[in-house]
Amino acid sequence: MLAVRIPGEMETRLDKLAKLTGRPKSFYVREALQSHLDEIEETYTALYRLEHPAKRWTLDELEQGLDRQG
């Protein structure tokens, strides 16, 4: 179970859509998450990686096995 606060204008639009189609508001919230969650995950993962860069290996270092050392 998840409770989410949304701006009034957004809730008004969601209410109208739900009444127009006979579907619950939660249906459209799930649809929106389903459609955009991958994009949101990719964005925040990229930002995290920019802020916390990992060690990068050159091909030479990989061939020498330096990536397996301490």
PDB file of N, CA and C in Angstrom:
ATOM      1  N   MET A   1       0.848  -1.176   0.000  1.00  0.00           N
ATOM      2  CA  MET A   1       0.000   0.000   0.000  1.00  0.00           C
ATOM      3  C   MET A   1       0.887   1.229   0.000  1.00  0.00           C
ATOM      4  N   LEU A   2       0.532   2.221  -0.761  1.00  0.00           N
ATOM      5  CA  LEU A   2       1.302   3.445  -0.897  1.00  0.00           C
ATOM      6  C   LEU A   2       0.343   4.624  -0.907  1.00  0.00           C
ATOM      7  N   ALA A   3       0.640   5.635  -0.122  1.00  0.00           N
ATOM      8  CA  ALA A   3      -0.151   6.874  -0.141  1.00  0.00           C
ATOM      9  C   ALA A   3       0.719   7.960  -0.757  1.00  0.00           C
ATOM     10  N   VAL A   4       0.153   8.696  -1.686  1.00  0.00           N
ATOM     11  CA  VAL A   4       0.912   9.722  -2.391  1.00  0.00           C
ATOM     12  C   VAL A   4       0.113  11.022  -2.388  1.00  0.00           C
ATOM     13  N   ARG A   5       0.793  12.105  -2.064  1.00  0.00           N
ATOM     14  CA  ARG A   5       0.157  13.433  -2.140  1.00  0.00           C
ATOM     15  C   ARG A   5       0.487  14.025  -3.508  1.00  0.00           C
ATOM     16  N   ILE A   6      -0.543  14.519  -4.177  1.00  0.00           N
ATOM     17  CA  ILE A   6      -0.339  15.148  -5.477  1.00  0.00           C
ATOM     18  C   ILE A   6      -0.977  16.535  -5.462  1.00  0.00           C
ATOM     19  N   PRO A   7      -0.508  17.420  -6.322  1.00  0.00           N
ATOM     20  CA  PRO A   7      -1.091  18.761  -6.381  1.00  0.00           C
ATOM     21  C   PRO A   7      -2.579  18.710  -6.731  1.00  0.00           C
ATOM     22  N   GLY A   8      -3.313  19.685  -6.246  1.00  0.00           N
ATOM     23  CA  GLY A   8      -4.761  19.737  -6.463  1.00  0.00           C
ATOM     24  C   GLY A   8      -5.173  19.671  -7.918  1.00  0.00           C
ATOM     25  N   GLU A   9      -4.464  20.403  -8.774  1.00  0.00           N
ATOM     26  CA  GLU A   9      -4.809  20.408 -10.198  1.00  0.00           C
ATOM     27  C   GLU A   9      -4.660  19.014 -10.805  1.00  0.00           C
ATOM     28  N   MET A  10      -3.614  18.326 -10.396  1.00  0.00           N
ATOM     29  CA  MET A  10      -3.387  16.978 -10.914  1.00  0.00           C
ATOM     30  C   MET A  10      -4.490  16.030 -10.427  1.00  0.00           C
ATOM     31  N   GLU A  11      -4.880  16.181  -9.173  1.00  0.00           N
ATOM     32  CA  GLU A  11      -5.946  15.318  -8.643  1.00  0.00           C
ATOM     33  C   GLU A  11      -7.277  15.608  -9.330  1.00  0.00           C
ATOM     34  N   THR A  12      -7.541  16.875  -9.634  1.00  0.00           N
ATOM     35  CA  THR A  12      -8.767  17.239 -10.351  1.00  0.00           C
ATOM     36  C   THR A  12      -8.793  16.568 -11.720  1.00  0.00           C
ATOM     37  N   ARG A  13      -7.678  16.621 -12.420  1.00  0.00           N
ATOM     38  CA  ARG A  13      -7.599  15.977 -13.738  1.00  0.00           C
ATOM     39  C   ARG A  13      -7.793  14.478 -13.633  1.00  0.00           C
ATOM     40  N   LEU A  14      -7.192  13.893 -12.604  1.00  0.00           N
ATOM     41  CA  LEU A  14      -7.314  12.453 -12.383  1.00  0.00           C
ATOM     42  C   LEU A  14      -8.760  12.076 -12.052  1.00  0.00           C
ATOM     43  N   ASP A  15      -9.408  12.890 -11.235  1.00  0.00           N
ATOM     44  CA  ASP A  15     -10.825  12.662 -10.900  1.00  0.00           C
ATOM     45  C   ASP A  15     -11.694  12.677 -12.159  1.00  0.00           C
ATOM     46  N   LYS A  16     -11.481  13.694 -13.001  1.00  0.00           N
ATOM     47  CA  LYS A  16     -12.277  13.802 -14.236  1.00  0.00           C
ATOM     48  C   LYS A  16     -12.065  12.595 -15.134  1.00  0.00           C
ATOM     49  N   LEU A  17     -10.801  12.176 -15.267  1.00  0.00           N
ATOM     50  CA  LEU A  17     -10.499  11.023 -16.104  1.00  0.00           C
ATOM     51  C   LEU A  17     -11.149   9.761 -15.557  1.00  0.00           C
ATOM     52  N   ALA A  18     -11.068   9.576 -14.252  1.00  0.00           N
ATOM     53  CA  ALA A  18     -11.657   8.392 -13.620  1.00  0.00           C
ATOM     54  C   ALA A  18     -13.176   8.365 -13.819  1.00  0.00           C
ATOM     55  N   LYS A  19     -13.832   9.511 -13.642  1.00  0.00           N
ATOM     56  CA  LYS A  19     -15.292   9.582 -13.824  1.00  0.00           C
ATOM     57  C   LYS A  19     -15.677   9.346 -15.276  1.00  0.00           C
ATOM     58  N   LEU A  20     -14.893   9.917 -16.188  1.00  0.00           N
ATOM     59  CA  LEU A  20     -15.179   9.785 -17.613  1.00  0.00           C
ATOM     60  C   LEU A  20     -15.082   8.334 -18.079  1.00  0.00           C
ATOM     61  N   THR A  21     -14.109   7.612 -17.559  1.00  0.00           N
ATOM     62  CA  THR A  21     -13.848   6.252 -18.039  1.00  0.00           C
ATOM     63  C   THR A  21     -14.413   5.154 -17.151  1.00  0.00           C
ATOM     64  N   GLY A  22     -14.793   5.506 -15.922  1.00  0.00           N
ATOM     65  CA  GLY A  22     -15.313   4.494 -15.000  1.00  0.00           C
ATOM     66  C   GLY A  22     -14.226   3.633 -14.374  1.00  0.00           C
ATOM     67  N   ARG A  23     -13.007   4.044 -14.511  1.00  0.00           N
ATOM     68  CA  ARG A  23     -11.892   3.321 -13.886  1.00  0.00           C
ATOM     69  C   ARG A  23     -11.473   4.059 -12.626  1.00  0.00           C
ATOM     70  N   PRO A  24     -10.891   3.348 -11.663  1.00  0.00           N
ATOM     71  CA  PRO A  24     -10.420   4.025 -10.448  1.00  0.00           C
ATOM     72  C   PRO A  24      -9.162   4.855 -10.715  1.00  0.00           C
ATOM     73  N   LYS A  25      -8.969   5.880  -9.896  1.00  0.00           N
ATOM     74  CA  LYS A  25      -7.783   6.733 -10.032  1.00  0.00           C
ATOM     75  C   LYS A  25      -6.507   5.900  -9.895  1.00  0.00           C
ATOM     76  N   SER A  26      -6.532   4.902  -9.031  1.00  0.00           N
ATOM     77  CA  SER A  26      -5.339   4.076  -8.815  1.00  0.00           C
ATOM     78  C   SER A  26      -4.909   3.365 -10.100  1.00  0.00           C
ATOM     79  N   PHE A  27      -5.858   3.057 -10.971  1.00  0.00           N
ATOM     80  CA  PHE A  27      -5.523   2.431 -12.250  1.00  0.00           C
ATOM     81  C   PHE A  27      -4.593   3.343 -13.045  1.00  0.00           C
ATOM     82  N   TYR A  28      -4.931   4.629 -13.108  1.00  0.00           N
ATOM     83  CA  TYR A  28      -4.134   5.565 -13.896  1.00  0.00           C
ATOM     84  C   TYR A  28      -2.797   5.893 -13.243  1.00  0.00           C
ATOM     85  N   VAL A  29      -2.754   5.876 -11.934  1.00  0.00           N
ATOM     86  CA  VAL A  29      -1.481   6.083 -11.244  1.00  0.00           C
ATOM     87  C   VAL A  29      -0.552   4.914 -11.546  1.00  0.00           C
ATOM     88  N   ARG A  30      -1.078   3.687 -11.502  1.00  0.00           N
ATOM     89  CA  ARG A  30      -0.264   2.509 -11.850  1.00  0.00           C
ATOM     90  C   ARG A  30       0.202   2.570 -13.298  1.00  0.00           C
ATOM     91  N   GLU A  31      -0.695   2.978 -14.193  1.00  0.00           N
ATOM     92  CA  GLU A  31      -0.334   3.098 -15.612  1.00  0.00           C
ATOM     93  C   GLU A  31       0.808   4.101 -15.801  1.00  0.00           C
ATOM     94  N   ALA A  32       0.720   5.240 -15.119  1.00  0.00           N
ATOM     95  CA  ALA A  32       1.758   6.268 -15.242  1.00  0.00           C
ATOM     96  C   ALA A  32       3.087   5.746 -14.721  1.00  0.00           C
ATOM     97  N   LEU A  33       3.070   5.068 -13.579  1.00  0.00           N
ATOM     98  CA  LEU A  33       4.298   4.494 -13.030  1.00  0.00           C
ATOM     99  C   LEU A  33       4.876   3.455 -13.972  1.00  0.00           C
ATOM    100  N   GLN A  34       4.017   2.606 -14.480  1.00  0.00           N
ATOM    101  CA  GLN A  34       4.460   1.559 -15.411  1.00  0.00           C
ATOM    102  C   GLN A  34       5.145   2.180 -16.623  1.00  0.00           C
ATOM    103  N   SER A  35       4.572   3.260 -17.133  1.00  0.00           N
ATOM    104  CA  SER A  35       5.100   3.894 -18.336  1.00  0.00           C
ATOM    105  C   SER A  35       6.413   4.631 -18.102  1.00  0.00           C
ATOM    106  N   HIS A  36       6.613   5.167 -16.907  1.00  0.00           N
ATOM    107  CA  HIS A  36       7.748   6.051 -16.687  1.00  0.00           C
ATOM    108  C   HIS A  36       8.790   5.566 -15.686  1.00  0.00           C
ATOM    109  N   LEU A  37       8.541   4.471 -14.994  1.00  0.00           N
ATOM    110  CA  LEU A  37       9.461   4.023 -13.962  1.00  0.00           C
ATOM    111  C   LEU A  37      10.837   3.665 -14.518  1.00  0.00           C
ATOM    112  N   ASP A  38      10.896   3.000 -15.662  1.00  0.00           N
ATOM    113  CA  ASP A  38      12.191   2.659 -16.273  1.00  0.00           C
ATOM    114  C   ASP A  38      13.007   3.920 -16.541  1.00  0.00           C
ATOM    115  N   GLU A  39      12.359   4.927 -17.105  1.00  0.00           N
ATOM    116  CA  GLU A  39      13.039   6.185 -17.421  1.00  0.00           C
ATOM    117  C   GLU A  39      13.544   6.872 -16.147  1.00  0.00           C
ATOM    118  N   ILE A  40      12.724   6.886 -15.114  1.00  0.00           N
ATOM    119  CA  ILE A  40      13.105   7.514 -13.848  1.00  0.00           C
ATOM    120  C   ILE A  40      14.287   6.764 -13.222  1.00  0.00           C
ATOM    121  N   GLU A  41      14.229   5.431 -13.237  1.00  0.00           N
ATOM    122  CA  GLU A  41      15.337   4.628 -12.692  1.00  0.00           C
ATOM    123  C   GLU A  41      16.636   4.911 -13.441  1.00  0.00           C
ATOM    124  N   GLU A  42      16.565   4.952 -14.766  1.00  0.00           N
ATOM    125  CA  GLU A  42      17.762   5.206 -15.570  1.00  0.00           C
ATOM    126  C   GLU A  42      18.350   6.581 -15.267  1.00  0.00           C
ATOM    127  N   THR A  43      17.496   7.581 -15.139  1.00  0.00           N
ATOM    128  CA  THR A  43      17.955   8.941 -14.849  1.00  0.00           C
ATOM    129  C   THR A  43      18.673   9.006 -13.513  1.00  0.00           C
ATOM    130  N   TYR A  44      18.046   8.467 -12.464  1.00  0.00           N
ATOM    131  CA  TYR A  44      18.652   8.557 -11.138  1.00  0.00           C
ATOM    132  C   TYR A  44      19.867   7.647 -10.986  1.00  0.00           C
ATOM    133  N   THR A  45      19.888   6.529 -11.698  1.00  0.00           N
ATOM    134  CA  THR A  45      21.073   5.675 -11.694  1.00  0.00           C
ATOM    135  C   THR A  45      22.242   6.404 -12.357  1.00  0.00           C
ATOM    136  N   ALA A  46      21.969   7.076 -13.475  1.00  0.00           N
ATOM    137  CA  ALA A  46      23.017   7.834 -14.164  1.00  0.00           C
ATOM    138  C   ALA A  46      23.542   8.965 -13.286  1.00  0.00           C
ATOM    139  N   LEU A  47      22.648   9.681 -12.621  1.00  0.00           N
ATOM    140  CA  LEU A  47      23.073  10.758 -11.728  1.00  0.00           C
ATOM    141  C   LEU A  47      23.923  10.218 -10.583  1.00  0.00           C
ATOM    142  N   TYR A  48      23.519   9.084 -10.025  1.00  0.00           N
ATOM    143  CA  TYR A  48      24.284   8.471  -8.934  1.00  0.00           C
ATOM    144  C   TYR A  48      25.686   8.111  -9.412  1.00  0.00           C
ATOM    145  N   ARG A  49      25.755   7.522 -10.600  1.00  0.00           N
ATOM    146  CA  ARG A  49      27.063   7.109 -11.130  1.00  0.00           C
ATOM    147  C   ARG A  49      27.957   8.299 -11.442  1.00  0.00           C
ATOM    148  N   LEU A  50      27.367   9.415 -11.843  1.00  0.00           N
ATOM    149  CA  LEU A  50      28.162  10.619 -12.061  1.00  0.00           C
ATOM    150  C   LEU A  50      28.726  11.150 -10.747  1.00  0.00           C
ATOM    151  N   GLU A  51      27.930  11.060  -9.697  1.00  0.00           N
ATOM    152  CA  GLU A  51      28.355  11.559  -8.379  1.00  0.00           C
ATOM    153  C   GLU A  51      29.269  10.582  -7.648  1.00  0.00           C
ATOM    154  N   HIS A  52      29.195   9.303  -7.991  1.00  0.00           N
ATOM    155  CA  HIS A  52      29.984   8.255  -7.339  1.00  0.00           C
ATOM    156  C   HIS A  52      30.655   7.385  -8.399  1.00  0.00           C
ATOM    157  N   PRO A  53      31.636   7.943  -9.109  1.00  0.00           N
ATOM    158  CA  PRO A  53      32.249   7.179 -10.199  1.00  0.00           C
ATOM    159  C   PRO A  53      32.995   5.940  -9.688  1.00  0.00           C
ATOM    160  N   ALA A  54      32.883   4.886 -10.433  1.00  0.00           N
ATOM    161  CA  ALA A  54      33.569   3.632 -10.093  1.00  0.00           C
ATOM    162  C   ALA A  54      34.913   3.591 -10.826  1.00  0.00           C
ATOM    163  N   LYS A  55      35.766   2.704 -10.386  1.00  0.00           N
ATOM    164  CA  LYS A  55      37.065   2.510 -11.032  1.00  0.00           C
ATOM    165  C   LYS A  55      36.837   2.039 -12.464  1.00  0.00           C
ATOM    166  N   ARG A  56      37.551   2.616 -13.387  1.00  0.00           N
ATOM    167  CA  ARG A  56      37.475   2.215 -14.792  1.00  0.00           C
ATOM    168  C   ARG A  56      38.774   1.496 -15.150  1.00  0.00           C
ATOM    169  N   TRP A  57      38.670   0.464 -15.956  1.00  0.00           N
ATOM    170  CA  TRP A  57      39.833  -0.335 -16.352  1.00  0.00           C
ATOM    171  C   TRP A  57      40.098  -0.144 -17.838  1.00  0.00           C
ATOM    172  N   THR A  58      41.348  -0.055 -18.198  1.00  0.00           N
ATOM    173  CA  THR A  58      41.717  -0.041 -19.618  1.00  0.00           C
ATOM    174  C   THR A  58      41.769  -1.492 -20.091  1.00  0.00           C
ATOM    175  N   LEU A  59      41.762  -1.684 -21.391  1.00  0.00           N
ATOM    176  CA  LEU A  59      41.860  -3.032 -21.944  1.00  0.00           C
ATOM    177  C   LEU A  59      43.174  -3.675 -21.514  1.00  0.00           C
ATOM    178  N   ASP A  60      44.237  -2.889 -21.515  1.00  0.00           N
ATOM    179  CA  ASP A  60      45.548  -3.382 -21.072  1.00  0.00           C
ATOM    180  C   ASP A  60      45.493  -3.906 -19.637  1.00  0.00           C
ATOM    181  N   GLU A  61      44.866  -3.145 -18.754  1.00  0.00           N
ATOM    182  CA  GLU A  61      44.762  -3.548 -17.339  1.00  0.00           C
ATOM    183  C   GLU A  61      43.934  -4.821 -17.191  1.00  0.00           C
ATOM    184  N   LEU A  62      42.868  -4.918 -17.963  1.00  0.00           N
ATOM    185  CA  LEU A  62      42.034  -6.126 -17.906  1.00  0.00           C
ATOM    186  C   LEU A  62      42.816  -7.340 -18.390  1.00  0.00           C
ATOM    187  N   GLU A  63      43.561  -7.188 -19.480  1.00  0.00           N
ATOM    188  CA  GLU A  63      44.349  -8.288 -20.031  1.00  0.00           C
ATOM    189  C   GLU A  63      45.444  -8.729 -19.059  1.00  0.00           C
ATOM    190  N   GLN A  64      45.958  -7.799 -18.255  1.00  0.00           N
ATOM    191  CA  GLN A  64      46.993  -8.127 -17.266  1.00  0.00           C
ATOM    192  C   GLN A  64      46.390  -8.659 -15.969  1.00  0.00           C
ATOM    193  N   GLY A  65      45.084  -8.662 -15.860  1.00  0.00           N
ATOM    194  CA  GLY A  65      44.435  -9.172 -14.665  1.00  0.00           C
ATOM    195  C   GLY A  65      44.475  -8.198 -13.491  1.00  0.00           C
ATOM    196  N   LEU A  66      44.774  -6.944 -13.763  1.00  0.00           N
ATOM    197  CA  LEU A  66      44.873  -5.958 -12.694  1.00  0.00           C
ATOM    198  C   LEU A  66      43.518  -5.678 -12.037  1.00  0.00           C
ATOM    199  N   ASP A  67      42.446  -5.987 -12.755  1.00  0.00           N
ATOM    200  CA  ASP A  67      41.120  -5.768 -12.173  1.00  0.00           C
ATOM    201  C   ASP A  67      40.810  -6.770 -11.058  1.00  0.00           C
ATOM    202  N   ARG A  68      41.573  -7.852 -10.980  1.00  0.00           N
ATOM    203  CA  ARG A  68      41.332  -8.897  -9.962  1.00  0.00           C
ATOM    204  C   ARG A  68      42.219  -8.721  -8.741  1.00  0.00           C
ATOM    205  N   GLN A  69      43.078  -7.753  -8.783  1.00  0.00           N
ATOM    206  CA  GLN A  69      43.979  -7.541  -7.640  1.00  0.00           C
ATOM    207  C   GLN A  69      43.326  -6.552  -6.670  1.00  0.00           C
ATOM    208  N   GLY A  70      43.543  -6.794  -5.372  1.00  0.00           N
ATOM    209  CA  GLY A  70      43.066  -5.984  -4.264  1.00  0.00           C
ATOM    210  C   GLY A  70      42.496  -4.713  -4.610  1.00  0.00           C
TER     211      GLY A  70
END
